[in-house]
Amino acid sequence: MRKTKRRPVSVGEMLKIEFLEPMGITSKALAEAMGVHRNTVSNLINGGVLTAPVAIKLAAALGNTPEFWLNIQHAVDLWDTRNRYQEEAKFVKPLFVSLEQSART
């Protein structure tokens, strides 16, 4: 498993740095546009986990796609999980040999 040294940018970092700050949008204004409580947006900005329903509303408010936001969340989740369970994964016995491994033998 390849380990990336740096954690991917979170949804909150992307939202704040690439959207809210450059566009002069407050978290309160975004929450109102999305039809959610301002704590929902504040939680995202502060590193909270994005859900699919919120991704749909966020994309609609900012003119992009839910997939854009969910892919960011997925990258962070996978990085966090790999870093947490990488040692345990070393003890898993594979059921199948990959093509790459069989080419080496």
PDB file of N, CA and C in Angstrom:
ATOM      1  N   MET A   1       0.831  -1.170   0.000  1.00  0.00           N
ATOM      2  CA  MET A   1       0.000   0.000   0.000  1.00  0.00           C
ATOM      3  C   MET A   1       0.884   1.245   0.000  1.00  0.00           C
ATOM      4  N   ARG A   2       0.649   2.154  -0.920  1.00  0.00           N
ATOM      5  CA  ARG A   2       1.429   3.376  -0.997  1.00  0.00           C
ATOM      6  C   ARG A   2       0.896   4.386   0.016  1.00  0.00           C
ATOM      7  N   LYS A   3       1.759   4.922   0.819  1.00  0.00           N
ATOM      8  CA  LYS A   3       1.341   5.876   1.840  1.00  0.00           C
ATOM      9  C   LYS A   3       1.718   7.286   1.403  1.00  0.00           C
ATOM     10  N   THR A   4       0.725   8.153   1.317  1.00  0.00           N
ATOM     11  CA  THR A   4       0.973   9.549   1.011  1.00  0.00           C
ATOM     12  C   THR A   4       1.308  10.251   2.317  1.00  0.00           C
ATOM     13  N   LYS A   5       2.308  11.078   2.286  1.00  0.00           N
ATOM     14  CA  LYS A   5       2.772  11.717   3.510  1.00  0.00           C
ATOM     15  C   LYS A   5       1.837  12.821   3.993  1.00  0.00           C
ATOM     16  N   ARG A   6       1.169  13.471   3.070  1.00  0.00           N
ATOM     17  CA  ARG A   6       0.350  14.614   3.442  1.00  0.00           C
ATOM     18  C   ARG A   6      -1.130  14.295   3.293  1.00  0.00           C
ATOM     19  N   ARG A   7      -1.905  14.660   4.278  1.00  0.00           N
ATOM     20  CA  ARG A   7      -3.348  14.446   4.249  1.00  0.00           C
ATOM     21  C   ARG A   7      -3.961  15.312   3.147  1.00  0.00           C
ATOM     22  N   PRO A   8      -4.904  14.772   2.384  1.00  0.00           N
ATOM     23  CA  PRO A   8      -5.558  15.573   1.347  1.00  0.00           C
ATOM     24  C   PRO A   8      -6.302  16.765   1.950  1.00  0.00           C
ATOM     25  N   VAL A   9      -6.542  17.741   1.136  1.00  0.00           N
ATOM     26  CA  VAL A   9      -7.312  18.916   1.552  1.00  0.00           C
ATOM     27  C   VAL A   9      -8.713  18.465   1.933  1.00  0.00           C
ATOM     28  N   SER A  10      -9.206  18.965   3.049  1.00  0.00           N
ATOM     29  CA  SER A  10     -10.548  18.592   3.501  1.00  0.00           C
ATOM     30  C   SER A  10     -11.610  19.413   2.772  1.00  0.00           C
ATOM     31  N   VAL A  11     -12.840  18.974   2.887  1.00  0.00           N
ATOM     32  CA  VAL A  11     -13.967  19.714   2.313  1.00  0.00           C
ATOM     33  C   VAL A  11     -13.993  21.129   2.883  1.00  0.00           C
ATOM     34  N   GLY A  12     -13.802  21.242   4.184  1.00  0.00           N
ATOM     35  CA  GLY A  12     -13.829  22.556   4.828  1.00  0.00           C
ATOM     36  C   GLY A  12     -12.743  23.487   4.336  1.00  0.00           C
ATOM     37  N   GLU A  13     -11.526  22.949   4.171  1.00  0.00           N
ATOM     38  CA  GLU A  13     -10.422  23.769   3.657  1.00  0.00           C
ATOM     39  C   GLU A  13     -10.719  24.231   2.237  1.00  0.00           C
ATOM     40  N   MET A  14     -11.183  23.310   1.398  1.00  0.00           N
ATOM     41  CA  MET A  14     -11.521  23.653   0.018  1.00  0.00           C
ATOM     42  C   MET A  14     -12.618  24.710  -0.015  1.00  0.00           C
ATOM     43  N   LEU A  15     -13.639  24.486   0.771  1.00  0.00           N
ATOM     44  CA  LEU A  15     -14.771  25.402   0.820  1.00  0.00           C
ATOM     45  C   LEU A  15     -14.329  26.802   1.232  1.00  0.00           C
ATOM     46  N   LYS A  16     -13.557  26.874   2.286  1.00  0.00           N
ATOM     47  CA  LYS A  16     -13.122  28.169   2.811  1.00  0.00           C
ATOM     48  C   LYS A  16     -12.140  28.880   1.882  1.00  0.00           C
ATOM     49  N   ILE A  17     -11.096  28.164   1.459  1.00  0.00           N
ATOM     50  CA  ILE A  17     -10.005  28.790   0.705  1.00  0.00           C
ATOM     51  C   ILE A  17     -10.358  29.066  -0.753  1.00  0.00           C
ATOM     52  N   GLU A  18     -11.079  28.143  -1.380  1.00  0.00           N
ATOM     53  CA  GLU A  18     -11.350  28.276  -2.816  1.00  0.00           C
ATOM     54  C   GLU A  18     -12.708  28.886  -3.152  1.00  0.00           C
ATOM     55  N   PHE A  19     -13.609  28.925  -2.189  1.00  0.00           N
ATOM     56  CA  PHE A  19     -14.950  29.427  -2.489  1.00  0.00           C
ATOM     57  C   PHE A  19     -15.347  30.607  -1.606  1.00  0.00           C
ATOM     58  N   LEU A  20     -15.449  30.395  -0.311  1.00  0.00           N
ATOM     59  CA  LEU A  20     -15.980  31.441   0.563  1.00  0.00           C
ATOM     60  C   LEU A  20     -15.112  32.693   0.595  1.00  0.00           C
ATOM     61  N   GLU A  21     -13.835  32.537   0.905  1.00  0.00           N
ATOM     62  CA  GLU A  21     -12.959  33.710   1.008  1.00  0.00           C
ATOM     63  C   GLU A  21     -12.846  34.484  -0.305  1.00  0.00           C
ATOM     64  N   PRO A  22     -12.536  33.822  -1.437  1.00  0.00           N
ATOM     65  CA  PRO A  22     -12.415  34.582  -2.687  1.00  0.00           C
ATOM     66  C   PRO A  22     -13.722  35.239  -3.141  1.00  0.00           C
ATOM     67  N   MET A  23     -14.848  34.622  -2.822  1.00  0.00           N
ATOM     68  CA  MET A  23     -16.142  35.152  -3.260  1.00  0.00           C
ATOM     69  C   MET A  23     -16.771  36.090  -2.234  1.00  0.00           C
ATOM     70  N   GLY A  24     -16.141  36.212  -1.077  1.00  0.00           N
ATOM     71  CA  GLY A  24     -16.675  37.085  -0.040  1.00  0.00           C
ATOM     72  C   GLY A  24     -17.990  36.591   0.544  1.00  0.00           C
ATOM     73  N   ILE A  25     -18.150  35.274   0.599  1.00  0.00           N
ATOM     74  CA  ILE A  25     -19.381  34.676   1.116  1.00  0.00           C
ATOM     75  C   ILE A  25     -19.144  34.254   2.567  1.00  0.00           C
ATOM     76  N   THR A  26     -20.081  34.593   3.440  1.00  0.00           N
ATOM     77  CA  THR A  26     -19.972  34.156   4.831  1.00  0.00           C
ATOM     78  C   THR A  26     -20.579  32.768   4.975  1.00  0.00           C
ATOM     79  N   SER A  27     -20.192  32.093   6.038  1.00  0.00           N
ATOM     80  CA  SER A  27     -20.778  30.773   6.287  1.00  0.00           C
ATOM     81  C   SER A  27     -22.279  30.899   6.541  1.00  0.00           C
ATOM     82  N   LYS A  28     -22.687  31.993   7.146  1.00  0.00           N
ATOM     83  CA  LYS A  28     -24.119  32.234   7.387  1.00  0.00           C
ATOM     84  C   LYS A  28     -24.870  32.380   6.063  1.00  0.00           C
ATOM     85  N   ALA A  29     -24.306  33.141   5.130  1.00  0.00           N
ATOM     86  CA  ALA A  29     -24.946  33.333   3.821  1.00  0.00           C
ATOM     87  C   ALA A  29     -25.021  32.015   3.054  1.00  0.00           C
ATOM     88  N   LEU A  30     -23.965  31.218   3.131  1.00  0.00           N
ATOM     89  CA  LEU A  30     -23.978  29.921   2.453  1.00  0.00           C
ATOM     90  C   LEU A  30     -25.032  29.013   3.070  1.00  0.00           C
ATOM     91  N   ALA A  31     -25.098  28.991   4.385  1.00  0.00           N
ATOM     92  CA  ALA A  31     -26.093  28.159   5.069  1.00  0.00           C
ATOM     93  C   ALA A  31     -27.508  28.559   4.660  1.00  0.00           C
ATOM     94  N   GLU A  32     -27.763  29.852   4.585  1.00  0.00           N
ATOM     95  CA  GLU A  32     -29.089  30.331   4.168  1.00  0.00           C
ATOM     96  C   GLU A  32     -29.391  29.903   2.738  1.00  0.00           C
ATOM     97  N   ALA A  33     -28.409  30.033   1.855  1.00  0.00           N
ATOM     98  CA  ALA A  33     -28.606  29.633   0.454  1.00  0.00           C
ATOM     99  C   ALA A  33     -28.879  28.139   0.341  1.00  0.00           C
ATOM    100  N   MET A  34     -28.219  27.353   1.185  1.00  0.00           N
ATOM    101  CA  MET A  34     -28.383  25.896   1.154  1.00  0.00           C
ATOM    102  C   MET A  34     -29.645  25.433   1.871  1.00  0.00           C
ATOM    103  N   GLY A  35     -30.198  26.294   2.711  1.00  0.00           N
ATOM    104  CA  GLY A  35     -31.363  25.901   3.494  1.00  0.00           C
ATOM    105  C   GLY A  35     -31.010  24.993   4.658  1.00  0.00           C
ATOM    106  N   VAL A  36     -29.817  25.211   5.228  1.00  0.00           N
ATOM    107  CA  VAL A  36     -29.373  24.414   6.375  1.00  0.00           C
ATOM    108  C   VAL A  36     -29.020  25.352   7.527  1.00  0.00           C
ATOM    109  N   HIS A  37     -28.890  24.799   8.706  1.00  0.00           N
ATOM    110  CA  HIS A  37     -28.488  25.583   9.875  1.00  0.00           C
ATOM    111  C   HIS A  37     -27.037  26.010   9.694  1.00  0.00           C
ATOM    112  N   ARG A  38     -26.698  27.178  10.193  1.00  0.00           N
ATOM    113  CA  ARG A  38     -25.317  27.671  10.028  1.00  0.00           C
ATOM    114  C   ARG A  38     -24.299  26.759  10.692  1.00  0.00           C
ATOM    115  N   ASN A  39     -24.722  25.998  11.706  1.00  0.00           N
ATOM    116  CA  ASN A  39     -23.800  25.044  12.336  1.00  0.00           C
ATOM    117  C   ASN A  39     -23.369  23.943  11.370  1.00  0.00           C
ATOM    118  N   THR A  40     -24.221  23.622  10.400  1.00  0.00           N
ATOM    119  CA  THR A  40     -23.874  22.608   9.398  1.00  0.00           C
ATOM    120  C   THR A  40     -22.668  23.067   8.589  1.00  0.00           C
ATOM    121  N   VAL A  41     -22.707  24.310   8.136  1.00  0.00           N
ATOM    122  CA  VAL A  41     -21.598  24.863   7.353  1.00  0.00           C
ATOM    123  C   VAL A  41     -20.376  25.066   8.242  1.00  0.00           C
ATOM    124  N   SER A  42     -20.582  25.582   9.435  1.00  0.00           N
ATOM    125  CA  SER A  42     -19.479  25.787  10.372  1.00  0.00           C
ATOM    126  C   SER A  42     -18.778  24.470  10.688  1.00  0.00           C
ATOM    127  N   ASN A  43     -19.559  23.423  10.881  1.00  0.00           N
ATOM    128  CA  ASN A  43     -18.995  22.101  11.153  1.00  0.00           C
ATOM    129  C   ASN A  43     -18.124  21.629   9.987  1.00  0.00           C
ATOM    130  N   LEU A  44     -18.596  21.824   8.760  1.00  0.00           N
ATOM    131  CA  LEU A  44     -17.802  21.442   7.579  1.00  0.00           C
ATOM    132  C   LEU A  44     -16.481  22.206   7.533  1.00  0.00           C
ATOM    133  N   ILE A  45     -16.566  23.508   7.728  1.00  0.00           N
ATOM    134  CA  ILE A  45     -15.368  24.349   7.671  1.00  0.00           C
ATOM    135  C   ILE A  45     -14.349  23.917   8.724  1.00  0.00           C
ATOM    136  N   ASN A  46     -14.845  23.447   9.851  1.00  0.00           N
ATOM    137  CA  ASN A  46     -13.964  23.041  10.949  1.00  0.00           C
ATOM    138  C   ASN A  46     -13.586  21.566  10.922  1.00  0.00           C
ATOM    139  N   GLY A  47     -13.775  20.910   9.778  1.00  0.00           N
ATOM    140  CA  GLY A  47     -13.299  19.538   9.618  1.00  0.00           C
ATOM    141  C   GLY A  47     -14.333  18.454   9.779  1.00  0.00           C
ATOM    142  N   GLY A  48     -15.601  18.821   9.863  1.00  0.00           N
ATOM    143  CA  GLY A  48     -16.655  17.820   9.972  1.00  0.00           C
ATOM    144  C   GLY A  48     -16.790  16.998   8.698  1.00  0.00           C
ATOM    145  N   VAL A  49     -17.458  15.868   8.816  1.00  0.00           N
ATOM    146  CA  VAL A  49     -17.636  14.951   7.689  1.00  0.00           C
ATOM    147  C   VAL A  49     -18.827  15.386   6.842  1.00  0.00           C
ATOM    148  N   LEU A  50     -18.620  15.413   5.545  1.00  0.00           N
ATOM    149  CA  LEU A  50     -19.669  15.763   4.592  1.00  0.00           C
ATOM    150  C   LEU A  50     -20.564  14.565   4.324  1.00  0.00           C
ATOM    151  N   THR A  51     -21.877  14.793   4.342  1.00  0.00           N
ATOM    152  CA  THR A  51     -22.833  13.746   3.989  1.00  0.00           C
ATOM    153  C   THR A  51     -23.352  13.994   2.579  1.00  0.00           C
ATOM    154  N   ALA A  52     -23.912  12.969   1.959  1.00  0.00           N
ATOM    155  CA  ALA A  52     -24.437  13.099   0.595  1.00  0.00           C
ATOM    156  C   ALA A  52     -25.534  14.161   0.496  1.00  0.00           C
ATOM    157  N   PRO A  53     -26.507  14.209   1.420  1.00  0.00           N
ATOM    158  CA  PRO A  53     -27.535  15.252   1.308  1.00  0.00           C
ATOM    159  C   PRO A  53     -26.957  16.666   1.372  1.00  0.00           C
ATOM    160  N   VAL A  54     -25.973  16.875   2.229  1.00  0.00           N
ATOM    161  CA  VAL A  54     -25.352  18.199   2.324  1.00  0.00           C
ATOM    162  C   VAL A  54     -24.526  18.481   1.071  1.00  0.00           C
ATOM    163  N   ALA A  55     -23.888  17.463   0.509  1.00  0.00           N
ATOM    164  CA  ALA A  55     -23.118  17.640  -0.732  1.00  0.00           C
ATOM    165  C   ALA A  55     -24.022  18.100  -1.869  1.00  0.00           C
ATOM    166  N   ILE A  56     -25.222  17.555  -1.931  1.00  0.00           N
ATOM    167  CA  ILE A  56     -26.175  17.954  -2.975  1.00  0.00           C
ATOM    168  C   ILE A  56     -26.540  19.426  -2.818  1.00  0.00           C
ATOM    169  N   LYS A  57     -26.811  19.853  -1.597  1.00  0.00           N
ATOM    170  CA  LYS A  57     -27.176  21.254  -1.344  1.00  0.00           C
ATOM    171  C   LYS A  57     -25.989  22.186  -1.564  1.00  0.00           C
ATOM    172  N   LEU A  58     -24.816  21.767  -1.142  1.00  0.00           N
ATOM    173  CA  LEU A  58     -23.606  22.568  -1.315  1.00  0.00           C
ATOM    174  C   LEU A  58     -23.315  22.778  -2.798  1.00  0.00           C
ATOM    175  N   ALA A  59     -23.424  21.716  -3.569  1.00  0.00           N
ATOM    176  CA  ALA A  59     -23.191  21.805  -5.015  1.00  0.00           C
ATOM    177  C   ALA A  59     -24.213  22.716  -5.685  1.00  0.00           C
ATOM    178  N   ALA A  60     -25.462  22.602  -5.283  1.00  0.00           N
ATOM    179  CA  ALA A  60     -26.509  23.451  -5.864  1.00  0.00           C
ATOM    180  C   ALA A  60     -26.247  24.923  -5.552  1.00  0.00           C
ATOM    181  N   ALA A  61     -25.781  25.213  -4.349  1.00  0.00           N
ATOM    182  CA  ALA A  61     -25.516  26.593  -3.955  1.00  0.00           C
ATOM    183  C   ALA A  61     -24.292  27.177  -4.653  1.00  0.00           C
ATOM    184  N   LEU A  62     -23.288  26.340  -4.899  1.00  0.00           N
ATOM    185  CA  LEU A  62     -22.027  26.843  -5.451  1.00  0.00           C
ATOM    186  C   LEU A  62     -21.836  26.553  -6.942  1.00  0.00           C
ATOM    187  N   GLY A  63     -22.797  25.876  -7.559  1.00  0.00           N
ATOM    188  CA  GLY A  63     -22.734  25.668  -9.001  1.00  0.00           C
ATOM    189  C   GLY A  63     -21.767  24.597  -9.455  1.00  0.00           C
ATOM    190  N   ASN A  64     -21.523  23.616  -8.613  1.00  0.00           N
ATOM    191  CA  ASN A  64     -20.703  22.489  -9.054  1.00  0.00           C
ATOM    192  C   ASN A  64     -21.472  21.199  -8.788  1.00  0.00           C
ATOM    193  N   THR A  65     -20.784  20.085  -8.605  1.00  0.00           N
ATOM    194  CA  THR A  65     -21.496  18.809  -8.479  1.00  0.00           C
ATOM    195  C   THR A  65     -21.309  18.200  -7.089  1.00  0.00           C
ATOM    196  N   PRO A  66     -22.272  17.386  -6.665  1.00  0.00           N
ATOM    197  CA  PRO A  66     -22.094  16.672  -5.404  1.00  0.00           C
ATOM    198  C   PRO A  66     -20.862  15.758  -5.456  1.00  0.00           C
ATOM    199  N   GLU A  67     -20.586  15.195  -6.623  1.00  0.00           N
ATOM    200  CA  GLU A  67     -19.423  14.308  -6.781  1.00  0.00           C
ATOM    201  C   GLU A  67     -18.117  15.039  -6.469  1.00  0.00           C
ATOM    202  N   PHE A  68     -18.039  16.300  -6.860  1.00  0.00           N
ATOM    203  CA  PHE A  68     -16.852  17.104  -6.562  1.00  0.00           C
ATOM    204  C   PHE A  68     -16.573  17.092  -5.060  1.00  0.00           C
ATOM    205  N   TRP A  69     -17.602  17.388  -4.281  1.00  0.00           N
ATOM    206  CA  TRP A  69     -17.458  17.461  -2.832  1.00  0.00           C
ATOM    207  C   TRP A  69     -17.265  16.085  -2.205  1.00  0.00           C
ATOM    208  N   LEU A  70     -18.014  15.110  -2.672  1.00  0.00           N
ATOM    209  CA  LEU A  70     -17.907  13.764  -2.096  1.00  0.00           C
ATOM    210  C   LEU A  70     -16.566  13.111  -2.419  1.00  0.00           C
ATOM    211  N   ASN A  71     -15.985  13.422  -3.578  1.00  0.00           N
ATOM    212  CA  ASN A  71     -14.652  12.897  -3.910  1.00  0.00           C
ATOM    213  C   ASN A  71     -13.589  13.454  -2.962  1.00  0.00           C
ATOM    214  N   ILE A  72     -13.733  14.717  -2.598  1.00  0.00           N
ATOM    215  CA  ILE A  72     -12.805  15.311  -1.627  1.00  0.00           C
ATOM    216  C   ILE A  72     -12.940  14.593  -0.289  1.00  0.00           C
ATOM    217  N   GLN A  73     -14.187  14.404   0.153  1.00  0.00           N
ATOM    218  CA  GLN A  73     -14.421  13.720   1.430  1.00  0.00           C
ATOM    219  C   GLN A  73     -13.894  12.291   1.388  1.00  0.00           C
ATOM    220  N   HIS A  74     -14.116  11.623   0.259  1.00  0.00           N
ATOM    221  CA  HIS A  74     -13.652  10.237   0.115  1.00  0.00           C
ATOM    222  C   HIS A  74     -12.127  10.150   0.220  1.00  0.00           C
ATOM    223  N   ALA A  75     -11.430  11.079  -0.409  1.00  0.00           N
ATOM    224  CA  ALA A  75      -9.961  11.074  -0.359  1.00  0.00           C
ATOM    225  C   ALA A  75      -9.462  11.237   1.075  1.00  0.00           C
ATOM    226  N   VAL A  76     -10.092  12.118   1.829  1.00  0.00           N
ATOM    227  CA  VAL A  76      -9.709  12.334   3.227  1.00  0.00           C
ATOM    228  C   VAL A  76     -10.017  11.094   4.062  1.00  0.00           C
ATOM    229  N   ASP A  77     -11.219  10.535   3.876  1.00  0.00           N
ATOM    230  CA  ASP A  77     -11.610   9.337   4.628  1.00  0.00           C
ATOM    231  C   ASP A  77     -10.654   8.180   4.368  1.00  0.00           C
ATOM    232  N   LEU A  78     -10.305   7.973   3.107  1.00  0.00           N
ATOM    233  CA  LEU A  78      -9.410   6.875   2.754  1.00  0.00           C
ATOM    234  C   LEU A  78      -8.016   7.096   3.330  1.00  0.00           C
ATOM    235  N   TRP A  79      -7.524   8.319   3.255  1.00  0.00           N
ATOM    236  CA  TRP A  79      -6.206   8.632   3.814  1.00  0.00           C
ATOM    237  C   TRP A  79      -6.191   8.371   5.317  1.00  0.00           C
ATOM    238  N   ASP A  80      -7.212   8.872   6.011  1.00  0.00           N
ATOM    239  CA  ASP A  80      -7.298   8.678   7.464  1.00  0.00           C
ATOM    240  C   ASP A  80      -7.356   7.194   7.816  1.00  0.00           C
ATOM    241  N   THR A  81      -8.168   6.445   7.083  1.00  0.00           N
ATOM    242  CA  THR A  81      -8.333   5.018   7.358  1.00  0.00           C
ATOM    243  C   THR A  81      -7.054   4.246   7.070  1.00  0.00           C
ATOM    244  N   ARG A  82      -6.415   4.543   5.955  1.00  0.00           N
ATOM    245  CA  ARG A  82      -5.146   3.866   5.635  1.00  0.00           C
ATOM    246  C   ARG A  82      -4.111   4.106   6.716  1.00  0.00           C
ATOM    247  N   ASN A  83      -4.024   5.327   7.168  1.00  0.00           N
ATOM    248  CA  ASN A  83      -3.029   5.648   8.188  1.00  0.00           C
ATOM    249  C   ASN A  83      -3.362   5.012   9.527  1.00  0.00           C
ATOM    250  N   ARG A  84      -4.616   4.794   9.782  1.00  0.00           N
ATOM    251  CA  ARG A  84      -5.018   4.183  11.044  1.00  0.00           C
ATOM    252  C   ARG A  84      -4.858   2.659  11.028  1.00  0.00           C
ATOM    253  N   TYR A  85      -5.154   2.029   9.882  1.00  0.00           N
ATOM    254  CA  TYR A  85      -5.195   0.569   9.824  1.00  0.00           C
ATOM    255  C   TYR A  85      -4.096  -0.068   8.983  1.00  0.00           C
ATOM    256  N   GLN A  86      -3.132   0.691   8.535  1.00  0.00           N
ATOM    257  CA  GLN A  86      -2.087   0.164   7.658  1.00  0.00           C
ATOM    258  C   GLN A  86      -1.320  -0.984   8.305  1.00  0.00           C
ATOM    259  N   GLU A  87      -0.996  -0.878   9.566  1.00  0.00           N
ATOM    260  CA  GLU A  87      -0.256  -1.946  10.245  1.00  0.00           C
ATOM    261  C   GLU A  87      -1.088  -3.219  10.329  1.00  0.00           C
ATOM    262  N   GLU A  88      -2.370  -3.083  10.641  1.00  0.00           N
ATOM    263  CA  GLU A  88      -3.253  -4.250  10.725  1.00  0.00           C
ATOM    264  C   GLU A  88      -3.383  -4.945   9.372  1.00  0.00           C
ATOM    265  N   ALA A  89      -3.385  -4.165   8.312  1.00  0.00           N
ATOM    266  CA  ALA A  89      -3.555  -4.729   6.968  1.00  0.00           C
ATOM    267  C   ALA A  89      -2.387  -5.628   6.578  1.00  0.00           C
ATOM    268  N   LYS A  90      -1.234  -5.426   7.181  1.00  0.00           N
ATOM    269  CA  LYS A  90      -0.069  -6.258   6.869  1.00  0.00           C
ATOM    270  C   LYS A  90      -0.283  -7.716   7.272  1.00  0.00           C
ATOM    271  N   PHE A  91      -1.185  -7.949   8.204  1.00  0.00           N
ATOM    272  CA  PHE A  91      -1.426  -9.303   8.701  1.00  0.00           C
ATOM    273  C   PHE A  91      -2.592 -10.005   8.007  1.00  0.00           C
ATOM    274  N   VAL A  92      -3.214  -9.332   7.053  1.00  0.00           N
ATOM    275  CA  VAL A  92      -4.315  -9.936   6.300  1.00  0.00           C
ATOM    276  C   VAL A  92      -3.727 -10.875   5.262  1.00  0.00           C
ATOM    277  N   LYS A  93      -4.289 -12.071   5.172  1.00  0.00           N
ATOM    278  CA  LYS A  93      -3.818 -13.056   4.193  1.00  0.00           C
ATOM    279  C   LYS A  93      -4.644 -12.920   2.919  1.00  0.00           C
ATOM    280  N   PRO A  94      -3.993 -12.591   1.802  1.00  0.00           N
ATOM    281  CA  PRO A  94      -4.733 -12.430   0.550  1.00  0.00           C
ATOM    282  C   PRO A  94      -5.304 -13.759   0.060  1.00  0.00           C
ATOM    283  N   LEU A  95      -6.501 -13.701  -0.467  1.00  0.00           N
ATOM    284  CA  LEU A  95      -7.135 -14.894  -1.026  1.00  0.00           C
ATOM    285  C   LEU A  95      -6.689 -15.139  -2.459  1.00  0.00           C
ATOM    286  N   PHE A  96      -6.307 -14.079  -3.138  1.00  0.00           N
ATOM    287  CA  PHE A  96      -5.900 -14.187  -4.540  1.00  0.00           C
ATOM    288  C   PHE A  96      -4.566 -13.490  -4.726  1.00  0.00           C
ATOM    289  N   VAL A  97      -3.786 -13.969  -5.676  1.00  0.00           N
ATOM    290  CA  VAL A  97      -2.514 -13.349  -6.018  1.00  0.00           C
ATOM    291  C   VAL A  97      -2.783 -12.357  -7.141  1.00  0.00           C
ATOM    292  N   SER A  98      -2.268 -11.149  -6.992  1.00  0.00           N
ATOM    293  CA  SER A  98      -2.472 -10.144  -8.032  1.00  0.00           C
ATOM    294  C   SER A  98      -1.646 -10.490  -9.268  1.00  0.00           C
ATOM    295  N   LEU A  99      -2.009  -9.931 -10.404  1.00  0.00           N
ATOM    296  CA  LEU A  99      -1.257 -10.147 -11.644  1.00  0.00           C
ATOM    297  C   LEU A  99       0.176  -9.653 -11.497  1.00  0.00           C
ATOM    298  N   GLU A 100       0.340  -8.546 -10.791  1.00  0.00           N
ATOM    299  CA  GLU A 100       1.669  -7.982 -10.574  1.00  0.00           C
ATOM    300  C   GLU A 100       2.547  -8.947  -9.779  1.00  0.00           C
ATOM    301  N   GLN A 101       1.983  -9.554  -8.734  1.00  0.00           N
ATOM    302  CA  GLN A 101       2.749 -10.498  -7.924  1.00  0.00           C
ATOM    303  C   GLN A 101       3.061 -11.769  -8.699  1.00  0.00           C
ATOM    304  N   SER A 102       2.115 -12.258  -9.484  1.00  0.00           N
ATOM    305  CA  SER A 102       2.355 -13.496 -10.229  1.00  0.00           C
ATOM    306  C   SER A 102       3.389 -13.288 -11.328  1.00  0.00           C
ATOM    307  N   ALA A 103       3.523 -12.075 -11.858  1.00  0.00           N
ATOM    308  CA  ALA A 103       4.521 -11.789 -12.885  1.00  0.00           C
ATOM    309  C   ALA A 103       5.929 -11.803 -12.296  1.00  0.00           C
ATOM    310  N   ARG A 104       6.043 -11.527 -11.004  1.00  0.00           N
ATOM    311  CA  ARG A 104       7.347 -11.504 -10.340  1.00  0.00           C
ATOM    312  C   ARG A 104       7.845 -12.895  -9.985  1.00  0.00           C
ATOM    313  N   THR A 105       6.957 -13.881  -9.937  1.00  0.00           N
ATOM    314  CA  THR A 105       7.373 -15.232  -9.525  1.00  0.00           C
ATOM    315  C   THR A 105       7.741 -16.094 -10.698  1.00  0.00           C
TER     316      THR A 105
END
